[in-house]
Amino acid sequence: MAEITASLVKELRERTGAGMMECKKALAENNGDIDAAAEALRKSGAAKADKKADRVTAEGRIGVAVNGGKAVLVEVNSETDFVANDVNFKAFVDAVAAAALASGAADVEALKSAKLASGETVEETRAAAIQKLGENIQIRRLAKVDGGNTVGAYVHTNGKIGVLVDLAGGNAELANGLAMHVAAMNPPHNKAADVPAEFVAKEKEIELAKMSEKDKAKPAEILEKIISGKINKIISEVTLYGQSYVLDGDKTVEQAVKAAGGDVVGFQRLVVGEGIEKVVEDYAAEVAKAMQV
């Protein structure tokens, strides 16, 4: 039986991120063979990952990677904001984004088998991260731009919002400014032509219903002008091109883009946890219940 030294346990902990007692046990069970012990811990980590797989992951971070006219965003979720702000989790998110860009993965499923710089797959590293951080971790979404145009990329300082802008023409400064604008203003559509006809028809119906009987009695052409003016204002509010540019309030986004000789082909915006129903824990009630047992 090989001697399990403190330095050997320390080395295994640094390699795997597992607890001291888990490392000591793994080394003992594998006769001090650190490679075999590391593999055993990884396997047990995968088992732990499976046990945590049903836990709700509504927190996390957005990762971004850009190379020329290509860029990706990834949303990686955790159970708590505490883990989302852990340096190891942040490093994992950055590594996943880099792997997504390098591999050209089309979706999250394909991304799982992509290799990280370490040589491990994304899925293997995710299982190890679950073991190390003690929470369910999921790679939820991937968004990409691959048109060979100028790419604007922005991730907010809290890591919760990420945006990519695909800009034909223009310049990098404008593209990045537009990404910041989309992050702040969240336009549902790019241009007026992208707004669904059903939406426009419904808004016309609503505006007509809001008008006074006196206005409704006006000639049809005047009534149409009034309604059109209101609809145009609404469309400007729900389109990137129609909004006032956050970095230059004297211009609309469309004016700023055209002044730079550009055209926004499209944009992608991810927000951590959007659409996920969060579990609200009532710890006071839980403690009170436990004390009654």
Protein backbone atom coordinates (compact mmCIF):
# COMPACT_ATOMS: atom_id res chain seq x y z
CA MET A 1 0.00 0.00 0.00
CA ALA A 2 1.56 3.28 -1.10
CA GLU A 3 1.88 6.05 1.49
CA ILE A 4 -0.78 8.73 1.05
CA THR A 5 1.15 11.91 1.82
CA ALA A 6 -0.28 15.37 2.46
CA SER A 7 1.47 16.69 -0.65
CA LEU A 8 -0.15 13.97 -2.78
CA VAL A 9 -3.59 14.86 -1.42
CA LYS A 10 -2.88 18.55 -2.04
CA GLU A 11 -1.86 17.86 -5.64
CA LEU A 12 -5.02 15.83 -6.28
CA ARG A 13 -7.19 18.58 -4.76
CA GLU A 14 -5.61 21.16 -7.06
CA ARG A 15 -6.15 18.92 -10.08
CA THR A 16 -9.75 18.01 -9.37
CA GLY A 17 -11.13 20.61 -6.95
CA ALA A 18 -12.54 17.78 -4.81
CA GLY A 19 -12.61 17.89 -1.02
CA MET A 20 -9.66 16.74 1.09
CA MET A 21 -11.35 13.61 2.44
CA GLU A 22 -12.62 12.64 -1.04
CA CYS A 23 -9.07 12.97 -2.41
CA LYS A 24 -7.56 10.98 0.43
CA LYS A 25 -10.14 8.21 -0.03
CA ALA A 26 -9.65 8.11 -3.81
CA LEU A 27 -5.87 7.84 -3.40
CA ALA A 28 -6.24 5.06 -0.83
CA GLU A 29 -8.60 3.12 -3.09
CA ASN A 30 -6.17 3.45 -6.01
CA ASN A 31 -2.96 2.64 -4.12
CA GLY A 32 -1.63 6.18 -4.34
CA ASP A 33 -1.93 6.36 -8.15
CA ILE A 34 -2.85 10.00 -8.63
CA ASP A 35 -3.99 9.59 -12.26
CA ALA A 36 -6.30 6.69 -11.36
CA ALA A 37 -7.58 8.63 -8.35
CA ALA A 38 -8.30 11.69 -10.51
CA GLU A 39 -10.22 9.51 -12.98
CA ALA A 40 -12.21 7.94 -10.14
CA LEU A 41 -13.11 11.37 -8.79
CA ARG A 42 -14.20 12.50 -12.22
CA LYS A 43 -16.45 9.47 -12.51
CA SER A 44 -17.97 10.14 -9.11
CA GLY A 45 -18.36 13.76 -10.14
CA ALA A 46 -20.41 12.68 -13.13
CA ALA A 47 -22.62 10.68 -10.77
CA LYS A 48 -23.07 13.73 -8.58
CA ALA A 49 -23.88 15.77 -11.65
CA ASP A 50 -26.67 13.33 -12.53
CA LYS A 51 -28.14 13.65 -9.03
CA LYS A 52 -28.21 17.44 -9.33
CA ALA A 53 -29.58 17.52 -12.88
CA ASP A 54 -33.19 18.27 -11.88
CA ARG A 55 -32.36 21.31 -9.75
CA VAL A 56 -33.52 24.63 -11.18
CA THR A 57 -30.71 26.72 -12.68
CA ALA A 58 -31.98 30.27 -13.13
CA GLU A 59 -28.79 32.16 -12.26
CA GLY A 60 -25.48 32.17 -14.14
CA ARG A 61 -23.52 34.21 -16.63
CA ILE A 62 -23.25 35.04 -20.32
CA GLY A 63 -19.95 34.26 -22.01
CA VAL A 64 -18.74 35.82 -25.26
CA ALA A 65 -16.00 35.04 -27.78
CA VAL A 66 -15.22 37.00 -30.94
CA ASN A 67 -12.83 36.40 -33.81
CA GLY A 68 -13.12 38.69 -36.82
CA GLY A 69 -16.57 38.36 -38.35
CA LYS A 70 -17.52 35.44 -36.12
CA ALA A 71 -18.82 35.57 -32.57
CA VAL A 72 -20.78 33.51 -30.06
CA LEU A 73 -22.70 34.04 -26.86
CA VAL A 74 -23.31 31.21 -24.39
CA GLU A 75 -25.62 31.18 -21.40
CA VAL A 76 -24.32 28.98 -18.61
CA ASN A 77 -26.65 28.56 -15.65
CA SER A 78 -26.11 27.82 -11.97
CA GLU A 79 -28.50 27.46 -9.06
CA THR A 80 -27.33 30.53 -7.13
CA ASP A 81 -25.83 33.92 -7.85
CA PHE A 82 -23.11 33.08 -5.33
CA VAL A 83 -21.73 30.35 -7.60
CA ALA A 84 -22.30 32.51 -10.70
CA ASN A 85 -19.81 34.99 -9.24
CA ASP A 86 -17.24 32.35 -8.32
CA VAL A 87 -13.94 32.72 -10.20
CA ASN A 88 -13.99 29.05 -11.21
CA PHE A 89 -17.48 29.37 -12.67
CA LYS A 90 -16.48 32.52 -14.57
CA ALA A 91 -13.44 30.72 -15.97
CA PHE A 92 -15.64 27.82 -17.06
CA VAL A 93 -18.05 30.17 -18.85
CA ASP A 94 -15.19 31.88 -20.69
CA ALA A 95 -13.74 28.50 -21.67
CA VAL A 96 -17.10 27.28 -22.99
CA ALA A 97 -17.53 30.44 -25.09
CA ALA A 98 -14.04 29.99 -26.56
CA ALA A 99 -14.75 26.32 -27.34
CA ALA A 100 -18.07 27.24 -28.97
CA LEU A 101 -16.33 29.71 -31.28
CA ALA A 102 -13.38 27.44 -32.09
CA SER A 103 -15.51 24.36 -32.76
CA GLY A 104 -18.23 26.11 -34.74
CA ALA A 105 -20.82 24.13 -32.78
CA ALA A 106 -24.31 24.73 -34.16
CA ASP A 107 -26.12 24.14 -30.88
CA VAL A 108 -25.67 23.23 -27.22
CA GLU A 109 -25.81 19.50 -27.90
CA ALA A 110 -22.93 19.73 -30.36
CA LEU A 111 -21.04 22.00 -27.98
CA LYS A 112 -20.95 19.29 -25.30
CA SER A 113 -18.39 17.28 -27.26
CA ALA A 114 -16.22 20.28 -28.16
CA LYS A 115 -12.74 20.28 -26.66
CA LEU A 116 -11.49 22.95 -24.29
CA ALA A 117 -7.89 24.18 -24.22
CA SER A 118 -7.28 21.63 -21.43
CA GLY A 119 -8.08 18.77 -23.82
CA GLU A 120 -11.24 17.80 -21.93
CA THR A 121 -14.66 18.08 -23.52
CA VAL A 122 -17.12 20.72 -22.41
CA GLU A 123 -19.36 18.02 -20.91
CA GLU A 124 -16.51 16.46 -18.93
CA THR A 125 -15.50 19.84 -17.57
CA ARG A 126 -19.10 20.67 -16.70
CA ALA A 127 -19.36 17.50 -14.60
CA ALA A 128 -16.12 18.37 -12.83
CA ALA A 129 -17.40 21.91 -12.17
CA ILE A 130 -20.56 20.49 -10.59
CA GLN A 131 -18.42 18.37 -8.28
CA LYS A 132 -16.19 21.31 -7.36
CA LEU A 133 -18.88 23.98 -6.91
CA GLY A 134 -21.65 21.75 -5.53
CA GLU A 135 -24.46 23.01 -7.75
CA ASN A 136 -26.27 21.96 -10.89
CA ILE A 137 -24.63 23.70 -13.84
CA GLN A 138 -26.22 23.73 -17.28
CA ILE A 139 -25.25 25.18 -20.64
CA ARG A 140 -28.62 26.47 -21.73
CA ARG A 141 -28.27 28.45 -24.94
CA LEU A 142 -25.86 29.39 -27.70
CA ALA A 143 -26.25 32.33 -30.08
CA LYS A 144 -23.88 33.07 -32.92
CA VAL A 145 -23.05 35.53 -35.69
CA ASP A 146 -21.13 34.17 -38.66
CA GLY A 147 -21.72 36.53 -41.57
CA GLY A 148 -18.19 37.83 -41.97
CA ASN A 149 -19.37 41.38 -41.24
CA THR A 150 -18.33 43.75 -38.48
CA VAL A 151 -19.39 42.25 -35.15
CA GLY A 152 -20.40 44.24 -32.13
CA ALA A 153 -20.23 42.37 -28.82
CA TYR A 154 -21.20 43.44 -25.33
CA VAL A 155 -21.68 41.66 -22.02
CA HIS A 156 -22.94 43.79 -19.16
CA THR A 157 -20.69 44.15 -16.11
CA ASN A 158 -22.90 41.82 -14.04
CA GLY A 159 -22.58 39.11 -16.68
CA LYS A 160 -26.36 38.77 -16.98
CA ILE A 161 -26.96 40.35 -20.41
CA GLY A 162 -25.06 39.63 -23.61
CA VAL A 163 -25.53 41.02 -27.11
CA LEU A 164 -24.09 40.42 -30.58
CA VAL A 165 -24.73 42.79 -33.48
CA ASP A 166 -24.10 41.84 -37.12
CA LEU A 167 -23.23 45.08 -38.92
CA ALA A 168 -22.56 45.26 -42.67
CA GLY A 169 -20.28 48.21 -43.35
CA GLY A 170 -19.91 50.79 -40.62
CA ASN A 171 -17.09 50.28 -38.12
CA ALA A 172 -16.23 48.43 -34.92
CA GLU A 173 -16.94 51.42 -32.70
CA LEU A 174 -20.47 51.74 -34.04
CA ALA A 175 -21.06 47.97 -33.85
CA ASN A 176 -20.02 47.86 -30.19
CA GLY A 177 -22.10 50.94 -29.43
CA LEU A 178 -25.13 49.30 -31.01
CA ALA A 179 -24.54 46.19 -28.90
CA MET A 180 -24.63 48.37 -25.79
CA HIS A 181 -27.82 50.00 -27.06
CA VAL A 182 -29.55 46.66 -27.61
CA ALA A 183 -28.50 45.54 -24.12
CA ALA A 184 -30.01 48.67 -22.57
CA MET A 185 -33.14 49.18 -24.69
CA ASN A 186 -34.06 45.60 -25.67
CA PRO A 187 -35.76 46.33 -29.02
CA PRO A 188 -37.96 43.37 -30.05
CA HIS A 189 -37.28 43.97 -33.76
CA ASN A 190 -34.54 45.31 -36.00
CA LYS A 191 -36.39 47.42 -38.61
CA ALA A 192 -39.97 48.45 -39.33
CA ALA A 193 -40.22 45.75 -42.01
CA ASP A 194 -39.56 43.13 -39.32
CA VAL A 195 -42.59 44.07 -37.22
CA PRO A 196 -45.35 41.44 -37.70
CA ALA A 197 -48.44 42.60 -39.57
CA GLU A 198 -50.61 41.08 -36.82
CA PHE A 199 -48.97 43.38 -34.27
CA VAL A 200 -49.57 46.47 -36.43
CA ALA A 201 -53.22 45.50 -37.03
CA LYS A 202 -53.82 44.99 -33.31
CA GLU A 203 -52.22 48.33 -32.42
CA LYS A 204 -54.40 50.10 -35.03
CA GLU A 205 -57.45 48.50 -33.47
CA ILE A 206 -56.38 49.65 -30.00
CA GLU A 207 -55.61 53.22 -31.10
CA LEU A 208 -58.95 53.49 -32.90
CA ALA A 209 -60.77 52.29 -29.78
CA LYS A 210 -58.99 54.94 -27.68
CA MET A 211 -60.07 57.82 -29.95
CA SER A 212 -62.95 60.08 -29.09
CA GLU A 213 -66.19 59.96 -31.09
CA LYS A 214 -65.35 63.45 -32.39
CA ASP A 215 -62.05 62.26 -33.88
CA LYS A 216 -63.67 59.12 -35.29
CA ALA A 217 -66.15 61.32 -37.18
CA LYS A 218 -63.35 63.07 -39.10
CA PRO A 219 -62.87 62.34 -42.83
CA ALA A 220 -61.31 58.95 -43.57
CA GLU A 221 -58.06 60.36 -44.96
CA ILE A 222 -57.52 62.54 -41.86
CA LEU A 223 -58.42 59.66 -39.55
CA GLU A 224 -55.90 57.47 -41.38
CA LYS A 225 -53.17 60.12 -40.93
CA ILE A 226 -53.84 60.30 -37.19
CA ILE A 227 -53.76 56.55 -36.79
CA SER A 228 -50.65 56.21 -38.98
CA GLY A 229 -48.82 58.80 -36.88
CA LYS A 230 -49.57 56.87 -33.70
CA ILE A 231 -48.58 53.55 -35.27
CA ASN A 232 -45.31 54.97 -36.60
CA LYS A 233 -44.46 56.14 -33.08
CA ILE A 234 -45.17 52.68 -31.68
CA ILE A 235 -43.08 51.02 -34.40
CA SER A 236 -40.17 53.35 -33.63
CA GLU A 237 -40.34 52.24 -29.99
CA VAL A 238 -40.22 48.50 -30.79
CA THR A 239 -37.50 48.59 -33.46
CA LEU A 240 -33.77 49.12 -33.13
CA TYR A 241 -33.71 51.46 -36.12
CA GLY A 242 -36.54 53.61 -34.77
CA GLN A 243 -35.18 54.11 -31.26
CA SER A 244 -33.19 57.12 -30.16
CA TYR A 245 -29.52 56.06 -30.08
CA VAL A 246 -28.35 55.83 -26.45
CA LEU A 247 -24.87 57.10 -27.34
CA ASP A 248 -26.19 60.08 -29.31
CA GLY A 249 -29.66 61.22 -28.27
CA ASP A 250 -29.87 63.63 -31.21
CA LYS A 251 -30.06 60.74 -33.67
CA THR A 252 -32.11 57.65 -34.16
CA VAL A 253 -30.18 54.40 -34.51
CA GLU A 254 -31.08 54.37 -38.20
CA GLN A 255 -29.57 57.83 -38.68
CA ALA A 256 -26.39 56.86 -36.81
CA VAL A 257 -26.00 53.66 -38.82
CA LYS A 258 -26.60 55.30 -42.19
CA ALA A 259 -24.20 58.15 -41.33
CA ALA A 260 -21.48 55.54 -40.88
CA GLY A 261 -22.38 53.80 -44.14
CA GLY A 262 -23.63 50.70 -42.37
CA ASP A 263 -26.62 48.40 -42.21
CA VAL A 264 -27.64 46.24 -39.26
CA VAL A 265 -28.20 42.73 -40.58
CA GLY A 266 -29.45 41.50 -37.20
CA PHE A 267 -28.70 41.09 -33.53
CA GLN A 268 -28.82 38.48 -30.77
CA ARG A 269 -29.61 39.25 -27.11
CA LEU A 270 -29.44 36.77 -24.22
CA VAL A 271 -30.47 37.42 -20.62
CA VAL A 272 -29.59 34.93 -17.92
CA GLY A 273 -32.58 32.93 -16.71
CA GLU A 274 -35.19 34.58 -18.92
CA GLY A 275 -38.20 32.30 -19.20
CA ILE A 276 -37.13 30.10 -16.29
CA GLU A 277 -39.45 29.94 -13.31
CA LYS A 278 -37.31 30.52 -10.24
CA VAL A 279 -37.82 28.58 -7.04
CA VAL A 280 -38.31 30.90 -4.06
CA GLU A 281 -37.13 29.30 -0.86
CA ASP A 282 -38.95 30.23 2.37
CA TYR A 283 -36.15 29.46 4.82
CA ALA A 284 -38.05 30.83 7.83
CA ALA A 285 -40.94 28.43 7.19
CA GLU A 286 -38.50 25.57 6.61
CA VAL A 287 -36.75 26.17 9.96
CA ALA A 288 -40.07 26.55 11.78
CA LYS A 289 -41.26 23.24 10.32
CA ALA A 290 -38.05 21.49 11.32
CA MET A 291 -38.37 22.71 14.91
CA GLN A 292 -41.85 21.18 15.18
CA VAL A 293 -40.55 17.69 14.40
